[in-house]
């Protein structure tokens, strides 16, 4: 989550507190809207170590078909 917050700060100029609130809000929204198994992956993603971009890349590829993306 810290990496996401840092990226928000860098890209938007938000304060750390604002970026943290934005990240929490977006993650909450995603967990509400995505199917249960996918939503639980968000918690795992945020709890685990390593770069979020690397982890999201795999998750994004998995979700591609669900949203109509053809490989």
N, C-alpha and C. Protein backbone atom coordinates (compact mmCIF):
# COMPACT_ATOMS: atom_id res chain seq x y z
N UNK A 1 0.83 -1.19 0.00
CA UNK A 1 0.00 0.00 0.00
C UNK A 1 0.87 1.25 0.00
N UNK A 2 2.02 1.15 0.66
CA UNK A 2 2.91 2.31 0.71
C UNK A 2 3.37 2.73 -0.67
N UNK A 3 3.63 1.74 -1.53
CA UNK A 3 4.07 2.07 -2.90
C UNK A 3 2.96 2.81 -3.64
N UNK A 4 1.73 2.36 -3.45
CA UNK A 4 0.61 3.04 -4.11
C UNK A 4 0.49 4.47 -3.61
N UNK A 5 0.61 4.66 -2.32
CA UNK A 5 0.52 6.00 -1.74
C UNK A 5 1.63 6.89 -2.28
N UNK A 6 2.84 6.36 -2.36
CA UNK A 6 3.96 7.15 -2.90
C UNK A 6 3.72 7.54 -4.35
N UNK A 7 3.18 6.63 -5.12
CA UNK A 7 2.88 6.96 -6.53
C UNK A 7 1.81 8.03 -6.63
N UNK A 8 0.81 7.95 -5.79
CA UNK A 8 -0.22 8.99 -5.79
C UNK A 8 0.38 10.35 -5.45
N UNK A 9 1.27 10.38 -4.47
CA UNK A 9 1.93 11.62 -4.07
C UNK A 9 2.73 12.18 -5.25
N UNK A 10 3.53 11.31 -5.88
CA UNK A 10 4.38 11.75 -6.98
C UNK A 10 3.59 12.23 -8.19
N UNK A 11 2.55 11.52 -8.53
CA UNK A 11 1.81 11.83 -9.75
C UNK A 11 0.76 12.93 -9.60
N UNK A 12 0.29 13.13 -8.37
CA UNK A 12 -0.80 14.10 -8.19
C UNK A 12 -0.44 15.29 -7.32
N UNK A 13 0.65 15.15 -6.54
CA UNK A 13 1.00 16.22 -5.62
C UNK A 13 0.17 16.24 -4.35
N UNK A 14 -0.60 15.16 -4.11
CA UNK A 14 -1.38 15.09 -2.88
C UNK A 14 -0.45 14.97 -1.68
N UNK A 15 -0.95 15.38 -0.53
CA UNK A 15 -0.20 15.15 0.70
C UNK A 15 -0.25 13.66 1.02
N UNK A 16 0.60 13.20 1.93
CA UNK A 16 0.60 11.79 2.30
C UNK A 16 -0.76 11.38 2.87
N UNK A 17 -1.34 12.24 3.69
CA UNK A 17 -2.65 11.93 4.28
C UNK A 17 -3.73 11.83 3.21
N UNK A 18 -3.72 12.75 2.24
CA UNK A 18 -4.71 12.71 1.16
C UNK A 18 -4.52 11.48 0.28
N UNK A 19 -3.26 11.16 -0.03
CA UNK A 19 -2.98 10.00 -0.87
C UNK A 19 -3.40 8.71 -0.18
N UNK A 20 -3.17 8.63 1.12
CA UNK A 20 -3.58 7.45 1.88
C UNK A 20 -5.10 7.30 1.87
N UNK A 21 -5.80 8.39 2.05
CA UNK A 21 -7.27 8.37 2.02
C UNK A 21 -7.77 7.97 0.64
N UNK A 22 -7.14 8.49 -0.41
CA UNK A 22 -7.54 8.15 -1.78
C UNK A 22 -7.31 6.66 -2.05
N UNK A 23 -6.16 6.15 -1.66
CA UNK A 23 -5.85 4.73 -1.88
C UNK A 23 -6.84 3.84 -1.15
N UNK A 24 -7.13 4.17 0.09
CA UNK A 24 -8.07 3.38 0.89
C UNK A 24 -9.46 3.40 0.25
N UNK A 25 -9.88 4.57 -0.24
CA UNK A 25 -11.18 4.71 -0.87
C UNK A 25 -11.27 3.89 -2.15
N UNK A 26 -10.25 3.96 -2.98
CA UNK A 26 -10.25 3.22 -4.24
C UNK A 26 -10.23 1.71 -3.98
N UNK A 27 -9.41 1.27 -3.06
CA UNK A 27 -9.36 -0.16 -2.75
C UNK A 27 -10.69 -0.65 -2.20
N UNK A 28 -11.32 0.13 -1.36
CA UNK A 28 -12.64 -0.22 -0.83
C UNK A 28 -13.67 -0.33 -1.94
N UNK A 29 -13.63 0.61 -2.87
CA UNK A 29 -14.55 0.60 -4.00
C UNK A 29 -14.35 -0.65 -4.84
N UNK A 30 -13.09 -0.96 -5.15
CA UNK A 30 -12.80 -2.14 -5.96
C UNK A 30 -13.28 -3.42 -5.27
N UNK A 31 -13.04 -3.52 -3.97
CA UNK A 31 -13.46 -4.71 -3.24
C UNK A 31 -14.98 -4.85 -3.21
N UNK A 32 -15.70 -3.74 -3.21
CA UNK A 32 -17.16 -3.79 -3.25
C UNK A 32 -17.68 -4.24 -4.60
N UNK A 33 -17.03 -3.79 -5.67
CA UNK A 33 -17.55 -4.00 -7.02
C UNK A 33 -17.08 -5.29 -7.69
N UNK A 34 -15.92 -5.78 -7.29
CA UNK A 34 -15.39 -6.98 -7.92
C UNK A 34 -15.96 -8.24 -7.28
N UNK A 35 -15.99 -9.35 -8.03
CA UNK A 35 -16.45 -10.62 -7.46
C UNK A 35 -15.59 -10.99 -6.26
N UNK A 36 -16.18 -11.70 -5.30
CA UNK A 36 -15.51 -12.07 -4.05
C UNK A 36 -14.10 -12.61 -4.19
N UNK A 37 -13.89 -13.63 -5.06
CA UNK A 37 -12.53 -14.17 -5.18
C UNK A 37 -11.51 -13.14 -5.66
N UNK A 38 -11.93 -12.26 -6.54
CA UNK A 38 -11.02 -11.22 -7.04
C UNK A 38 -10.79 -10.17 -5.94
N UNK A 39 -11.85 -9.81 -5.25
CA UNK A 39 -11.73 -8.82 -4.17
C UNK A 39 -10.79 -9.31 -3.09
N UNK A 40 -10.82 -10.60 -2.79
CA UNK A 40 -9.92 -11.12 -1.76
C UNK A 40 -8.47 -11.05 -2.21
N UNK A 41 -8.24 -11.09 -3.51
CA UNK A 41 -6.88 -10.96 -4.04
C UNK A 41 -6.32 -9.56 -3.77
N UNK A 42 -7.18 -8.57 -3.71
CA UNK A 42 -6.73 -7.21 -3.41
C UNK A 42 -6.13 -7.16 -2.02
N UNK A 43 -6.79 -7.79 -1.05
CA UNK A 43 -6.25 -7.82 0.31
C UNK A 43 -4.90 -8.54 0.33
N UNK A 44 -4.80 -9.65 -0.37
CA UNK A 44 -3.54 -10.40 -0.43
C UNK A 44 -2.46 -9.56 -1.08
N UNK A 45 -2.81 -8.87 -2.13
CA UNK A 45 -1.87 -8.03 -2.85
C UNK A 45 -1.32 -6.93 -1.96
N UNK A 46 -2.20 -6.30 -1.20
CA UNK A 46 -1.79 -5.19 -0.35
C UNK A 46 -1.00 -5.67 0.87
N UNK A 47 -1.26 -6.89 1.33
CA UNK A 47 -0.58 -7.41 2.51
C UNK A 47 0.80 -7.96 2.19
N UNK A 48 0.98 -8.44 0.96
CA UNK A 48 2.23 -9.09 0.59
C UNK A 48 3.34 -8.11 0.30
N UNK A 49 4.57 -8.64 0.21
CA UNK A 49 5.72 -7.83 -0.15
C UNK A 49 5.86 -7.77 -1.64
N UNK A 50 6.86 -7.06 -2.10
CA UNK A 50 7.13 -6.96 -3.52
C UNK A 50 6.44 -5.78 -4.14
N UNK A 51 6.75 -5.55 -5.40
CA UNK A 51 6.21 -4.40 -6.11
C UNK A 51 4.77 -4.61 -6.54
N UNK A 52 3.96 -3.62 -6.33
CA UNK A 52 2.55 -3.72 -6.68
C UNK A 52 2.36 -3.80 -8.19
N UNK A 53 3.18 -3.10 -8.94
CA UNK A 53 3.04 -3.14 -10.39
C UNK A 53 3.20 -4.55 -10.92
N UNK A 54 4.16 -5.27 -10.41
CA UNK A 54 4.40 -6.65 -10.83
C UNK A 54 3.20 -7.53 -10.49
N UNK A 55 2.67 -7.37 -9.30
CA UNK A 55 1.53 -8.19 -8.88
C UNK A 55 0.28 -7.81 -9.63
N UNK A 56 0.06 -6.53 -9.86
CA UNK A 56 -1.13 -6.10 -10.57
C UNK A 56 -1.09 -6.52 -12.02
N UNK A 57 0.10 -6.62 -12.58
CA UNK A 57 0.22 -7.07 -13.96
C UNK A 57 -0.42 -8.44 -14.14
N UNK A 58 -0.13 -9.37 -13.25
CA UNK A 58 -0.72 -10.70 -13.32
C UNK A 58 -2.21 -10.68 -13.07
N UNK A 59 -2.63 -9.88 -12.12
CA UNK A 59 -4.05 -9.78 -11.82
C UNK A 59 -4.79 -9.16 -13.00
N UNK A 60 -4.20 -8.14 -13.59
CA UNK A 60 -4.82 -7.49 -14.75
C UNK A 60 -4.98 -8.44 -15.91
N UNK A 61 -3.97 -9.26 -16.15
CA UNK A 61 -4.05 -10.24 -17.23
C UNK A 61 -5.17 -11.24 -16.96
N UNK A 62 -5.32 -11.63 -15.71
CA UNK A 62 -6.37 -12.58 -15.34
C UNK A 62 -7.75 -11.99 -15.53
N UNK A 63 -7.88 -10.70 -15.29
CA UNK A 63 -9.18 -10.04 -15.39
C UNK A 63 -9.53 -9.61 -16.80
N UNK A 64 -8.54 -9.60 -17.69
CA UNK A 64 -8.77 -9.12 -19.05
C UNK A 64 -9.97 -9.74 -19.73
N UNK A 65 -10.07 -11.05 -19.69
CA UNK A 65 -11.18 -11.74 -20.33
C UNK A 65 -12.51 -11.40 -19.69
N UNK A 66 -12.51 -11.17 -18.40
CA UNK A 66 -13.73 -10.86 -17.68
C UNK A 66 -14.35 -9.56 -18.17
N UNK A 67 -13.50 -8.63 -18.63
CA UNK A 67 -13.98 -7.33 -19.08
C UNK A 67 -13.97 -7.21 -20.60
N UNK A 68 -13.87 -8.35 -21.28
CA UNK A 68 -14.00 -8.36 -22.73
C UNK A 68 -12.70 -8.17 -23.49
N UNK A 69 -11.58 -8.14 -22.84
CA UNK A 69 -10.31 -7.96 -23.53
C UNK A 69 -9.91 -9.27 -24.21
N UNK A 70 -9.58 -9.17 -25.47
CA UNK A 70 -9.13 -10.35 -26.21
C UNK A 70 -7.61 -10.36 -26.23
N UNK A 71 -7.01 -11.52 -26.06
CA UNK A 71 -5.54 -11.63 -26.05
C UNK A 71 -5.04 -11.83 -27.45
